Amino acid sequence: MSNPIKRHISGPVHSRVVEHNGLVFVAGTTADNRNAGCREQTEEILKKIDSFLARAGTDKSRLLSATVWLTDIREKEQMDAAWKAWVDPDNKPARACVESRLGTPDTRVEIMVTAAG
């Protein structure tokens, strides 16, 4: 096949990172520290995303889109503070942010991104 699909960090239900056709898809990512507040969970998630993007040979300056889920939309300012400190100011992606029930009661934030390879 001329356009191989590369999968990284594959587990029983999904791959954390998938590369195809010059695009890098990072699965929904949550924090390990579930006792942390919204901002701290977001900071941890963004560090993980940096490492996932690096694994695929790209970085946050090449983000195309992001989806952010919050368990409580009233915490959006806390998430945005971490996001603004992290995102490349000259290369902001398209982004959606919605309120949703997440996988565990103490998960406050989940973020999924797509980047150019």
PDB file of N, CA and C in Angstrom:
ATOM      1  N   MET A   1       0.840  -1.184   0.000  1.00  0.00           N
ATOM      2  CA  MET A   1       0.000   0.000   0.000  1.00  0.00           C
ATOM      3  C   MET A   1       0.881   1.242   0.000  1.00  0.00           C
ATOM      4  N   SER A   2       0.463   2.221  -0.743  1.00  0.00           N
ATOM      5  CA  SER A   2       1.271   3.423  -0.888  1.00  0.00           C
ATOM      6  C   SER A   2       1.108   4.407   0.276  1.00  0.00           C
ATOM      7  N   ASN A   3       0.019   4.349   0.986  1.00  0.00           N
ATOM      8  CA  ASN A   3      -0.230   5.242   2.120  1.00  0.00           C
ATOM      9  C   ASN A   3      -0.421   4.424   3.393  1.00  0.00           C
ATOM     10  N   PRO A   4       0.668   3.994   4.001  1.00  0.00           N
ATOM     11  CA  PRO A   4       0.514   3.167   5.202  1.00  0.00           C
ATOM     12  C   PRO A   4      -0.077   3.968   6.374  1.00  0.00           C
ATOM     13  N   ILE A   5      -0.740   3.259   7.236  1.00  0.00           N
ATOM     14  CA  ILE A   5      -1.257   3.837   8.469  1.00  0.00           C
ATOM     15  C   ILE A   5      -0.324   3.399   9.584  1.00  0.00           C
ATOM     16  N   LYS A   6       0.176   4.367  10.361  1.00  0.00           N
ATOM     17  CA  LYS A   6       1.051   4.052  11.493  1.00  0.00           C
ATOM     18  C   LYS A   6       0.248   4.255  12.776  1.00  0.00           C
ATOM     19  N   ARG A   7       0.293   3.266  13.638  1.00  0.00           N
ATOM     20  CA  ARG A   7      -0.413   3.334  14.915  1.00  0.00           C
ATOM     21  C   ARG A   7       0.607   3.244  16.045  1.00  0.00           C
ATOM     22  N   HIS A   8       0.482   4.151  17.015  1.00  0.00           N
ATOM     23  CA  HIS A   8       1.407   4.186  18.144  1.00  0.00           C
ATOM     24  C   HIS A   8       0.639   4.000  19.449  1.00  0.00           C
ATOM     25  N   ILE A   9       1.276   3.346  20.390  1.00  0.00           N
ATOM     26  CA  ILE A   9       0.736   3.146  21.736  1.00  0.00           C
ATOM     27  C   ILE A   9      -0.665   2.525  21.646  1.00  0.00           C
ATOM     28  N   SER A  10      -0.715   1.370  21.037  1.00  0.00           N
ATOM     29  CA  SER A  10      -1.994   0.680  20.857  1.00  0.00           C
ATOM     30  C   SER A  10      -2.332  -0.147  22.094  1.00  0.00           C
ATOM     31  N   GLY A  11      -3.571  -0.051  22.510  1.00  0.00           N
ATOM     32  CA  GLY A  11      -4.061  -0.820  23.642  1.00  0.00           C
ATOM     33  C   GLY A  11      -5.205  -1.702  23.213  1.00  0.00           C
ATOM     34  N   PRO A  12      -5.946  -2.224  24.170  1.00  0.00           N
ATOM     35  CA  PRO A  12      -7.032  -3.153  23.842  1.00  0.00           C
ATOM     36  C   PRO A  12      -8.203  -2.520  23.106  1.00  0.00           C
ATOM     37  N   VAL A  13      -8.403  -1.200  23.247  1.00  0.00           N
ATOM     38  CA  VAL A  13      -9.574  -0.587  22.592  1.00  0.00           C
ATOM     39  C   VAL A  13      -9.240   0.517  21.604  1.00  0.00           C
ATOM     40  N   HIS A  14      -8.009   1.052  21.628  1.00  0.00           N
ATOM     41  CA  HIS A  14      -7.656   2.117  20.688  1.00  0.00           C
ATOM     42  C   HIS A  14      -6.155   2.338  20.636  1.00  0.00           C
ATOM     43  N   SER A  15      -5.748   3.135  19.654  1.00  0.00           N
ATOM     44  CA  SER A  15      -4.367   3.604  19.560  1.00  0.00           C
ATOM     45  C   SER A  15      -4.338   5.050  20.034  1.00  0.00           C
ATOM     46  N   ARG A  16      -3.329   5.408  20.801  1.00  0.00           N
ATOM     47  CA  ARG A  16      -3.202   6.795  21.286  1.00  0.00           C
ATOM     48  C   ARG A  16      -2.935   7.765  20.156  1.00  0.00           C
ATOM     49  N   VAL A  17      -2.134   7.315  19.165  1.00  0.00           N
ATOM     50  CA  VAL A  17      -1.736   8.174  18.049  1.00  0.00           C
ATOM     51  C   VAL A  17      -1.848   7.374  16.759  1.00  0.00           C
ATOM     52  N   VAL A  18      -2.456   7.990  15.742  1.00  0.00           N
ATOM     53  CA  VAL A  18      -2.555   7.364  14.423  1.00  0.00           C
ATOM     54  C   VAL A  18      -2.080   8.387  13.389  1.00  0.00           C
ATOM     55  N   GLU A  19      -1.187   7.926  12.504  1.00  0.00           N
ATOM     56  CA  GLU A  19      -0.688   8.771  11.418  1.00  0.00           C
ATOM     57  C   GLU A  19      -1.189   8.224  10.087  1.00  0.00           C
ATOM     58  N   HIS A  20      -1.674   9.130   9.236  1.00  0.00           N
ATOM     59  CA  HIS A  20      -2.102   8.728   7.891  1.00  0.00           C
ATOM     60  C   HIS A  20      -2.206   9.953   6.997  1.00  0.00           C
ATOM     61  N   ASN A  21      -1.698   9.813   5.790  1.00  0.00           N
ATOM     62  CA  ASN A  21      -1.823  10.872   4.778  1.00  0.00           C
ATOM     63  C   ASN A  21      -1.346  12.236   5.276  1.00  0.00           C
ATOM     64  N   GLY A  22      -0.281  12.267   6.051  1.00  0.00           N
ATOM     65  CA  GLY A  22       0.256  13.531   6.530  1.00  0.00           C
ATOM     66  C   GLY A  22      -0.480  14.131   7.708  1.00  0.00           C
ATOM     67  N   LEU A  23      -1.426  13.380   8.269  1.00  0.00           N
ATOM     68  CA  LEU A  23      -2.169  13.849   9.439  1.00  0.00           C
ATOM     69  C   LEU A  23      -1.839  12.982  10.645  1.00  0.00           C
ATOM     70  N   VAL A  24      -1.905  13.600  11.820  1.00  0.00           N
ATOM     71  CA  VAL A  24      -1.662  12.898  13.078  1.00  0.00           C
ATOM     72  C   VAL A  24      -2.890  13.082  13.954  1.00  0.00           C
ATOM     73  N   PHE A  25      -3.491  11.980  14.350  1.00  0.00           N
ATOM     74  CA  PHE A  25      -4.685  11.992  15.183  1.00  0.00           C
ATOM     75  C   PHE A  25      -4.294  11.517  16.580  1.00  0.00           C
ATOM     76  N   VAL A  26      -4.552  12.349  17.582  1.00  0.00           N
ATOM     77  CA  VAL A  26      -4.277  11.987  18.972  1.00  0.00           C
ATOM     78  C   VAL A  26      -5.614  11.713  19.647  1.00  0.00           C
ATOM     79  N   ALA A  27      -5.756  10.529  20.206  1.00  0.00           N
ATOM     80  CA  ALA A  27      -6.998  10.116  20.861  1.00  0.00           C
ATOM     81  C   ALA A  27      -7.318  11.032  22.044  1.00  0.00           C
ATOM     82  N   GLY A  28      -8.575  10.992  22.475  1.00  0.00           N
ATOM     83  CA  GLY A  28      -8.974  11.726  23.665  1.00  0.00           C
ATOM     84  C   GLY A  28      -8.047  11.392  24.816  1.00  0.00           C
ATOM     85  N   THR A  29      -7.512  12.426  25.450  1.00  0.00           N
ATOM     86  CA  THR A  29      -6.484  12.265  26.475  1.00  0.00           C
ATOM     87  C   THR A  29      -6.961  12.877  27.779  1.00  0.00           C
ATOM     88  N   THR A  30      -6.762  12.153  28.861  1.00  0.00           N
ATOM     89  CA  THR A  30      -7.144  12.632  30.190  1.00  0.00           C
ATOM     90  C   THR A  30      -5.928  12.636  31.106  1.00  0.00           C
ATOM     91  N   ALA A  31      -6.066  13.275  32.249  1.00  0.00           N
ATOM     92  CA  ALA A  31      -4.983  13.355  33.230  1.00  0.00           C
ATOM     93  C   ALA A  31      -4.945  12.088  34.073  1.00  0.00           C
ATOM     94  N   ASP A  32      -3.759  11.750  34.542  1.00  0.00           N
ATOM     95  CA  ASP A  32      -3.605  10.644  35.485  1.00  0.00           C
ATOM     96  C   ASP A  32      -3.951  11.092  36.903  1.00  0.00           C
ATOM     97  N   ASN A  33      -3.639  12.353  37.222  1.00  0.00           N
ATOM     98  CA  ASN A  33      -3.919  12.893  38.552  1.00  0.00           C
ATOM     99  C   ASN A  33      -5.368  13.356  38.608  1.00  0.00           C
ATOM    100  N   ARG A  34      -6.235  12.470  39.018  1.00  0.00           N
ATOM    101  CA  ARG A  34      -7.669  12.771  39.043  1.00  0.00           C
ATOM    102  C   ARG A  34      -8.065  13.605  40.256  1.00  0.00           C
ATOM    103  N   ASN A  35      -7.128  13.812  41.204  1.00  0.00           N
ATOM    104  CA  ASN A  35      -7.416  14.655  42.362  1.00  0.00           C
ATOM    105  C   ASN A  35      -7.137  16.119  42.084  1.00  0.00           C
ATOM    106  N   ALA A  36      -6.520  16.412  40.951  1.00  0.00           N
ATOM    107  CA  ALA A  36      -6.157  17.787  40.597  1.00  0.00           C
ATOM    108  C   ALA A  36      -7.377  18.556  40.112  1.00  0.00           C
ATOM    109  N   GLY A  37      -7.257  19.876  40.144  1.00  0.00           N
ATOM    110  CA  GLY A  37      -8.301  20.749  39.627  1.00  0.00           C
ATOM    111  C   GLY A  37      -8.291  20.774  38.110  1.00  0.00           C
ATOM    112  N   CYS A  38      -9.227  21.489  37.542  1.00  0.00           N
ATOM    113  CA  CYS A  38      -9.385  21.548  36.095  1.00  0.00           C
ATOM    114  C   CYS A  38      -8.126  22.084  35.408  1.00  0.00           C
ATOM    115  N   ARG A  39      -7.571  23.177  35.910  1.00  0.00           N
ATOM    116  CA  ARG A  39      -6.370  23.741  35.278  1.00  0.00           C
ATOM    117  C   ARG A  39      -5.209  22.753  35.332  1.00  0.00           C
ATOM    118  N   GLU A  40      -4.998  22.137  36.476  1.00  0.00           N
ATOM    119  CA  GLU A  40      -3.885  21.201  36.616  1.00  0.00           C
ATOM    120  C   GLU A  40      -4.069  19.966  35.738  1.00  0.00           C
ATOM    121  N   GLN A  41      -5.308  19.465  35.666  1.00  0.00           N
ATOM    122  CA  GLN A  41      -5.550  18.331  34.773  1.00  0.00           C
ATOM    123  C   GLN A  41      -5.269  18.735  33.326  1.00  0.00           C
ATOM    124  N   THR A  42      -5.683  19.941  32.940  1.00  0.00           N
ATOM    125  CA  THR A  42      -5.445  20.410  31.573  1.00  0.00           C
ATOM    126  C   THR A  42      -3.952  20.506  31.291  1.00  0.00           C
ATOM    127  N   GLU A  43      -3.186  21.056  32.232  1.00  0.00           N
ATOM    128  CA  GLU A  43      -1.733  21.167  32.053  1.00  0.00           C
ATOM    129  C   GLU A  43      -1.102  19.794  31.854  1.00  0.00           C
ATOM    130  N   GLU A  44      -1.533  18.815  32.637  1.00  0.00           N
ATOM    131  CA  GLU A  44      -0.997  17.463  32.489  1.00  0.00           C
ATOM    132  C   GLU A  44      -1.352  16.881  31.125  1.00  0.00           C
ATOM    133  N   ILE A  45      -2.580  17.068  30.712  1.00  0.00           N
ATOM    134  CA  ILE A  45      -3.027  16.554  29.408  1.00  0.00           C
ATOM    135  C   ILE A  45      -2.204  17.171  28.280  1.00  0.00           C
ATOM    136  N   LEU A  46      -1.971  18.470  28.345  1.00  0.00           N
ATOM    137  CA  LEU A  46      -1.235  19.151  27.280  1.00  0.00           C
ATOM    138  C   LEU A  46       0.213  18.665  27.211  1.00  0.00           C
ATOM    139  N   LYS A  47       0.815  18.341  28.335  1.00  0.00           N
ATOM    140  CA  LYS A  47       2.158  17.748  28.330  1.00  0.00           C
ATOM    141  C   LYS A  47       2.136  16.389  27.643  1.00  0.00           C
ATOM    142  N   LYS A  48       1.104  15.603  27.942  1.00  0.00           N
ATOM    143  CA  LYS A  48       0.977  14.307  27.268  1.00  0.00           C
ATOM    144  C   LYS A  48       0.819  14.494  25.759  1.00  0.00           C
ATOM    145  N   ILE A  49      -0.008  15.453  25.363  1.00  0.00           N
ATOM    146  CA  ILE A  49      -0.221  15.705  23.939  1.00  0.00           C
ATOM    147  C   ILE A  49       1.089  16.094  23.272  1.00  0.00           C
ATOM    148  N   ASP A  50       1.902  16.927  23.934  1.00  0.00           N
ATOM    149  CA  ASP A  50       3.219  17.268  23.388  1.00  0.00           C
ATOM    150  C   ASP A  50       4.027  16.008  23.102  1.00  0.00           C
ATOM    151  N   SER A  51       4.036  15.065  24.044  1.00  0.00           N
ATOM    152  CA  SER A  51       4.828  13.846  23.845  1.00  0.00           C
ATOM    153  C   SER A  51       4.235  12.974  22.745  1.00  0.00           C
ATOM    154  N   PHE A  52       2.920  12.906  22.652  1.00  0.00           N
ATOM    155  CA  PHE A  52       2.291  12.108  21.595  1.00  0.00           C
ATOM    156  C   PHE A  52       2.593  12.700  20.219  1.00  0.00           C
ATOM    157  N   LEU A  53       2.521  14.025  20.103  1.00  0.00           N
ATOM    158  CA  LEU A  53       2.828  14.672  18.829  1.00  0.00           C
ATOM    159  C   LEU A  53       4.291  14.441  18.454  1.00  0.00           C
ATOM    160  N   ALA A  54       5.189  14.564  19.426  1.00  0.00           N
ATOM    161  CA  ALA A  54       6.617  14.347  19.165  1.00  0.00           C
ATOM    162  C   ALA A  54       6.870  12.931  18.662  1.00  0.00           C
ATOM    163  N   ARG A  55       6.159  11.970  19.215  1.00  0.00           N
ATOM    164  CA  ARG A  55       6.308  10.576  18.791  1.00  0.00           C
ATOM    165  C   ARG A  55       6.009  10.418  17.301  1.00  0.00           C
ATOM    166  N   ALA A  56       5.099  11.260  16.790  1.00  0.00           N
ATOM    167  CA  ALA A  56       4.729  11.215  15.374  1.00  0.00           C
ATOM    168  C   ALA A  56       5.533  12.219  14.542  1.00  0.00           C
ATOM    169  N   GLY A  57       6.514  12.878  15.174  1.00  0.00           N
ATOM    170  CA  GLY A  57       7.372  13.791  14.432  1.00  0.00           C
ATOM    171  C   GLY A  57       6.766  15.154  14.156  1.00  0.00           C
ATOM    172  N   THR A  58       5.843  15.588  14.992  1.00  0.00           N
ATOM    173  CA  THR A  58       5.233  16.898  14.795  1.00  0.00           C
ATOM    174  C   THR A  58       5.139  17.604  16.149  1.00  0.00           C
ATOM    175  N   ASP A  59       4.491  18.754  16.182  1.00  0.00           N
ATOM    176  CA  ASP A  59       4.361  19.491  17.444  1.00  0.00           C
ATOM    177  C   ASP A  59       3.126  20.377  17.412  1.00  0.00           C
ATOM    178  N   LYS A  60       2.888  21.078  18.510  1.00  0.00           N
ATOM    179  CA  LYS A  60       1.667  21.874  18.666  1.00  0.00           C
ATOM    180  C   LYS A  60       1.560  23.027  17.676  1.00  0.00           C
ATOM    181  N   SER A  61       2.664  23.442  17.053  1.00  0.00           N
ATOM    182  CA  SER A  61       2.586  24.504  16.050  1.00  0.00           C
ATOM    183  C   SER A  61       1.889  24.024  14.784  1.00  0.00           C
ATOM    184  N   ARG A  62       1.689  22.713  14.663  1.00  0.00           N
ATOM    185  CA  ARG A  62       1.057  22.138  13.476  1.00  0.00           C
ATOM    186  C   ARG A  62      -0.353  21.605  13.760  1.00  0.00           C
ATOM    187  N   LEU A  63      -0.907  22.006  14.911  1.00  0.00           N
ATOM    188  CA  LEU A  63      -2.276  21.589  15.235  1.00  0.00           C
ATOM    189  C   LEU A  63      -3.257  22.152  14.223  1.00  0.00           C
ATOM    190  N   LEU A  64      -4.217  21.321  13.844  1.00  0.00           N
ATOM    191  CA  LEU A  64      -5.287  21.734  12.944  1.00  0.00           C
ATOM    192  C   LEU A  64      -6.599  21.913  13.695  1.00  0.00           C
ATOM    193  N   SER A  65      -6.875  20.990  14.602  1.00  0.00           N
ATOM    194  CA  SER A  65      -8.134  21.074  15.349  1.00  0.00           C
ATOM    195  C   SER A  65      -7.961  20.457  16.728  1.00  0.00           C
ATOM    196  N   ALA A  66      -8.855  20.873  17.616  1.00  0.00           N
ATOM    197  CA  ALA A  66      -8.880  20.328  18.976  1.00  0.00           C
ATOM    198  C   ALA A  66     -10.318  20.288  19.445  1.00  0.00           C
ATOM    199  N   THR A  67     -10.634  19.240  20.196  1.00  0.00           N
ATOM    200  CA  THR A  67     -11.929  19.137  20.859  1.00  0.00           C
ATOM    201  C   THR A  67     -11.661  18.972  22.344  1.00  0.00           C
ATOM    202  N   VAL A  68     -12.321  19.800  23.153  1.00  0.00           N
ATOM    203  CA  VAL A  68     -12.150  19.778  24.602  1.00  0.00           C
ATOM    204  C   VAL A  68     -13.495  19.458  25.226  1.00  0.00           C
ATOM    205  N   TRP A  69     -13.501  18.470  26.107  1.00  0.00           N
ATOM    206  CA  TRP A  69     -14.692  18.136  26.869  1.00  0.00           C
ATOM    207  C   TRP A  69     -14.435  18.483  28.329  1.00  0.00           C
ATOM    208  N   LEU A  70     -15.386  19.157  28.950  1.00  0.00           N
ATOM    209  CA  LEU A  70     -15.324  19.505  30.368  1.00  0.00           C
ATOM    210  C   LEU A  70     -16.520  18.903  31.073  1.00  0.00           C
ATOM    211  N   THR A  71     -16.320  18.391  32.282  1.00  0.00           N
ATOM    212  CA  THR A  71     -17.468  17.882  33.025  1.00  0.00           C
ATOM    213  C   THR A  71     -18.330  19.020  33.542  1.00  0.00           C
ATOM    214  N   ASP A  72     -17.730  20.204  33.693  1.00  0.00           N
ATOM    215  CA  ASP A  72     -18.465  21.374  34.178  1.00  0.00           C
ATOM    216  C   ASP A  72     -18.004  22.586  33.386  1.00  0.00           C
ATOM    217  N   ILE A  73     -18.851  23.085  32.501  1.00  0.00           N
ATOM    218  CA  ILE A  73     -18.493  24.200  31.618  1.00  0.00           C
ATOM    219  C   ILE A  73     -18.138  25.455  32.424  1.00  0.00           C
ATOM    220  N   ARG A  74     -18.549  25.509  33.683  1.00  0.00           N
ATOM    221  CA  ARG A  74     -18.185  26.650  34.525  1.00  0.00           C
ATOM    222  C   ARG A  74     -16.684  26.673  34.821  1.00  0.00           C
ATOM    223  N   GLU A  75     -15.978  25.572  34.546  1.00  0.00           N
ATOM    224  CA  GLU A  75     -14.530  25.523  34.741  1.00  0.00           C
ATOM    225  C   GLU A  75     -13.750  25.873  33.462  1.00  0.00           C
ATOM    226  N   LYS A  76     -14.455  26.359  32.448  1.00  0.00           N
ATOM    227  CA  LYS A  76     -13.816  26.671  31.166  1.00  0.00           C
ATOM    228  C   LYS A  76     -12.689  27.695  31.322  1.00  0.00           C
ATOM    229  N   GLU A  77     -12.862  28.689  32.174  1.00  0.00           N
ATOM    230  CA  GLU A  77     -11.802  29.689  32.360  1.00  0.00           C
ATOM    231  C   GLU A  77     -10.515  29.050  32.865  1.00  0.00           C
ATOM    232  N   GLN A  78     -10.634  28.070  33.767  1.00  0.00           N
ATOM    233  CA  GLN A  78      -9.438  27.377  34.279  1.00  0.00           C
ATOM    234  C   GLN A  78      -8.749  26.592  33.162  1.00  0.00           C
ATOM    235  N   MET A  79      -9.541  25.900  32.367  1.00  0.00           N
ATOM    236  CA  MET A  79      -8.983  25.149  31.242  1.00  0.00           C
ATOM    237  C   MET A  79      -8.355  26.115  30.252  1.00  0.00           C
ATOM    238  N   ASP A  80      -9.050  27.211  29.936  1.00  0.00           N
ATOM    239  CA  ASP A  80      -8.533  28.191  28.980  1.00  0.00           C
ATOM    240  C   ASP A  80      -7.218  28.806  29.452  1.00  0.00           C
ATOM    241  N   ALA A  81      -7.051  29.019  30.745  1.00  0.00           N
ATOM    242  CA  ALA A  81      -5.797  29.584  31.262  1.00  0.00           C
ATOM    243  C   ALA A  81      -4.633  28.661  30.930  1.00  0.00           C
ATOM    244  N   ALA A  82      -4.812  27.363  31.148  1.00  0.00           N
ATOM    245  CA  ALA A  82      -3.757  26.400  30.811  1.00  0.00           C
ATOM    246  C   ALA A  82      -3.556  26.325  29.301  1.00  0.00           C
ATOM    247  N   TRP A  83      -4.654  26.318  28.558  1.00  0.00           N
ATOM    248  CA  TRP A  83      -4.593  26.242  27.097  1.00  0.00           C
ATOM    249  C   TRP A  83      -3.829  27.443  26.533  1.00  0.00           C
ATOM    250  N   LYS A  84      -4.171  28.654  26.972  1.00  0.00           N
ATOM    251  CA  LYS A  84      -3.529  29.870  26.446  1.00  0.00           C
ATOM    252  C   LYS A  84      -2.031  29.890  26.754  1.00  0.00           C
ATOM    253  N   ALA A  85      -1.635  29.364  27.907  1.00  0.00           N
ATOM    254  CA  ALA A  85      -0.213  29.312  28.264  1.00  0.00           C
ATOM    255  C   ALA A  85       0.535  28.292  27.403  1.00  0.00           C
ATOM    256  N   TRP A  86      -0.171  27.311  26.846  1.00  0.00           N
ATOM    257  CA  TRP A  86       0.442  26.218  26.094  1.00  0.00           C
ATOM    258  C   TRP A  86       0.395  26.404  24.581  1.00  0.00           C
ATOM    259  N   VAL A  87      -0.728  26.823  24.054  1.00  0.00           N
ATOM    260  CA  VAL A  87      -0.930  26.833  22.599  1.00  0.00           C
ATOM    261  C   VAL A  87       0.052  27.802  21.927  1.00  0.00           C
ATOM    262  N   ASP A  88       0.497  27.439  20.719  1.00  0.00           N
ATOM    263  CA  ASP A  88       1.368  28.317  19.940  1.00  0.00           C
ATOM    264  C   ASP A  88       0.536  29.530  19.515  1.00  0.00           C
ATOM    265  N   PRO A  89       0.889  30.735  19.976  1.00  0.00           N
ATOM    266  CA  PRO A  89       0.036  31.906  19.709  1.00  0.00           C
ATOM    267  C   PRO A  89      -0.092  32.245  18.225  1.00  0.00           C
ATOM    268  N   ASP A  90       0.856  31.819  17.409  1.00  0.00           N
ATOM    269  CA  ASP A  90       0.798  32.104  15.972  1.00  0.00           C
ATOM    270  C   ASP A  90       0.146  30.990  15.168  1.00  0.00           C
ATOM    271  N   ASN A  91      -0.193  29.893  15.829  1.00  0.00           N
ATOM    272  CA  ASN A  91      -0.728  28.729  15.109  1.00  0.00           C
ATOM    273  C   ASN A  91      -1.837  28.051  15.897  1.00  0.00           C
ATOM    274  N   LYS A  92      -2.843  28.819  16.275  1.00  0.00           N
ATOM    275  CA  LYS A  92      -3.952  28.251  17.047  1.00  0.00           C
ATOM    276  C   LYS A  92      -4.820  27.376  16.137  1.00  0.00           C
ATOM    277  N   PRO A  93      -5.234  26.217  16.636  1.00  0.00           N
ATOM    278  CA  PRO A  93      -6.097  25.344  15.840  1.00  0.00           C
ATOM    279  C   PRO A  93      -7.560  25.783  15.917  1.00  0.00           C
ATOM    280  N   ALA A  94      -8.372  25.228  15.051  1.00  0.00           N
ATOM    281  CA  ALA A  94      -9.823  25.312  15.241  1.00  0.00           C
ATOM    282  C   ALA A  94     -10.113  24.507  16.508  1.00  0.00           C
ATOM    283  N   ARG A  95     -11.050  24.989  17.329  1.00  0.00           N
ATOM    284  CA  ARG A  95     -11.279  24.295  18.600  1.00  0.00           C
ATOM    285  C   ARG A  95     -12.752  24.347  18.984  1.00  0.00           C
ATOM    286  N   ALA A  96     -13.219  23.245  19.552  1.00  0.00           N
ATOM    287  CA  ALA A  96     -14.554  23.190  20.149  1.00  0.00           C
ATOM    288  C   ALA A  96     -14.381  22.844  21.618  1.00  0.00           C
ATOM    289  N   CYS A  97     -15.275  23.361  22.448  1.00  0.00           N
ATOM    290  CA  CYS A  97     -15.250  23.054  23.878  1.00  0.00           C
ATOM    291  C   CYS A  97     -16.685  22.840  24.324  1.00  0.00           C
ATOM    292  N   VAL A  98     -16.950  21.661  24.866  1.00  0.00           N
ATOM    293  CA  VAL A  98     -18.318  21.322  25.263  1.00  0.00           C
ATOM    294  C   VAL A  98     -18.339  20.684  26.639  1.00  0.00           C
ATOM    295  N   GLU A  99     -19.488  20.727  27.271  1.00  0.00           N
ATOM    296  CA  GLU A  99     -19.689  20.058  28.555  1.00  0.00           C
ATOM    297  C   GLU A  99     -20.205  18.652  28.290  1.00  0.00           C
ATOM    298  N   SER A 100     -19.654  17.691  29.033  1.00  0.00           N
ATOM    299  CA  SER A 100     -20.040  16.301  28.835  1.00  0.00           C
ATOM    300  C   SER A 100     -19.705  15.483  30.074  1.00  0.00           C
ATOM    301  N   ARG A 101     -20.454  14.433  30.310  1.00  0.00           N
ATOM    302  CA  ARG A 101     -20.063  13.475  31.339  1.00  0.00           C
ATOM    303  C   ARG A 101     -18.908  12.663  30.766  1.00  0.00           C
ATOM    304  N   LEU A 102     -17.836  12.515  31.537  1.00  0.00           N
ATOM    305  CA  LEU A 102     -16.646  11.812  31.055  1.00  0.00           C
ATOM    306  C   LEU A 102     -16.542  10.434  31.694  1.00  0.00           C
ATOM    307  N   GLY A 103     -15.477   9.709  31.376  1.00  0.00           N
ATOM    308  CA  GLY A 103     -15.335   8.303  31.749  1.00  0.00           C
ATOM    309  C   GLY A 103     -15.366   7.979  33.220  1.00  0.00           C
ATOM    310  N   THR A 104     -14.875   8.883  34.059  1.00  0.00           N
ATOM    311  CA  THR A 104     -14.918   8.671  35.503  1.00  0.00           C
ATOM    312  C   THR A 104     -15.392   9.964  36.171  1.00  0.00           C
ATOM    313  N   PRO A 105     -15.979   9.887  37.347  1.00  0.00           N
ATOM    314  CA  PRO A 105     -16.508  11.089  38.002  1.00  0.00           C
ATOM    315  C   PRO A 105     -15.451  12.138  38.331  1.00  0.00           C
ATOM    316  N   ASP A 106     -14.188  11.722  38.488  1.00  0.00           N
ATOM    317  CA  ASP A 106     -13.148  12.683  38.833  1.00  0.00           C
ATOM    318  C   ASP A 106     -12.325  13.158  37.634  1.00  0.00           C
ATOM    319  N   THR A 107     -12.706  12.751  36.433  1.00  0.00           N
ATOM    320  CA  THR A 107     -12.095  13.281  35.216  1.00  0.00           C
ATOM    321  C   THR A 107     -12.799  14.585  34.889  1.00  0.00           C
ATOM    322  N   ARG A 108     -12.044  15.677  34.883  1.00  0.00           N
ATOM    323  CA  ARG A 108     -12.633  16.996  34.663  1.00  0.00           C
ATOM    324  C   ARG A 108     -12.478  17.463  33.222  1.00  0.00           C
ATOM    325  N   VAL A 109     -11.457  16.948  32.524  1.00  0.00           N
ATOM    326  CA  VAL A 109     -11.122  17.430  31.176  1.00  0.00           C
ATOM    327  C   VAL A 109     -10.678  16.246  30.317  1.00  0.00           C
ATOM    328  N   GLU A 110     -11.044  16.297  29.049  1.00  0.00           N
ATOM    329  CA  GLU A 110     -10.510  15.371  28.037  1.00  0.00           C
ATOM    330  C   GLU A 110     -10.265  16.195  26.784  1.00  0.00           C
ATOM    331  N   ILE A 111      -9.129  15.961  26.136  1.00  0.00           N
ATOM    332  CA  ILE A 111      -8.772  16.725  24.939  1.00  0.00           C
ATOM    333  C   ILE A 111      -8.322  15.760  23.837  1.00  0.00           C
ATOM    334  N   MET A 112      -8.794  16.012  22.623  1.00  0.00           N
ATOM    335  CA  MET A 112      -8.399  15.256  21.432  1.00  0.00           C
ATOM    336  C   MET A 112      -7.930  16.254  20.375  1.00  0.00           C
ATOM    337  N   VAL A 113      -6.828  15.952  19.689  1.00  0.00           N
ATOM    338  CA  VAL A 113      -6.307  16.862  18.685  1.00  0.00           C
ATOM    339  C   VAL A 113      -5.967  16.147  17.388  1.00  0.00           C
ATOM    340  N   THR A 114      -5.939  16.936  16.313  1.00  0.00           N
ATOM    341  CA  THR A 114      -5.444  16.497  15.009  1.00  0.00           C
ATOM    342  C   THR A 114      -4.396  17.509  14.572  1.00  0.00           C
ATOM    343  N   ALA A 115      -3.279  17.013  14.051  1.00  0.00           N
ATOM    344  CA  ALA A 115      -2.187  17.882  13.608  1.00  0.00           C
ATOM    345  C   ALA A 115      -1.712  17.453  12.233  1.00  0.00           C
ATOM    346  N   ALA A 116      -1.047  18.377  11.545  1.00  0.00           N
ATOM    347  CA  ALA A 116      -0.346  18.035  10.328  1.00  0.00           C
ATOM    348  C   ALA A 116       0.952  17.341  10.722  1.00  0.00           C
ATOM    349  N   GLY A 117       1.325  16.339   9.946  1.00  0.00           N
ATOM    350  CA  GLY A 117       2.542  15.599  10.241  1.00  0.00           C
ATOM    351  C   GLY A 117       3.798  16.374   9.877  1.00  0.00           C
TER     352      GLY A 117
END
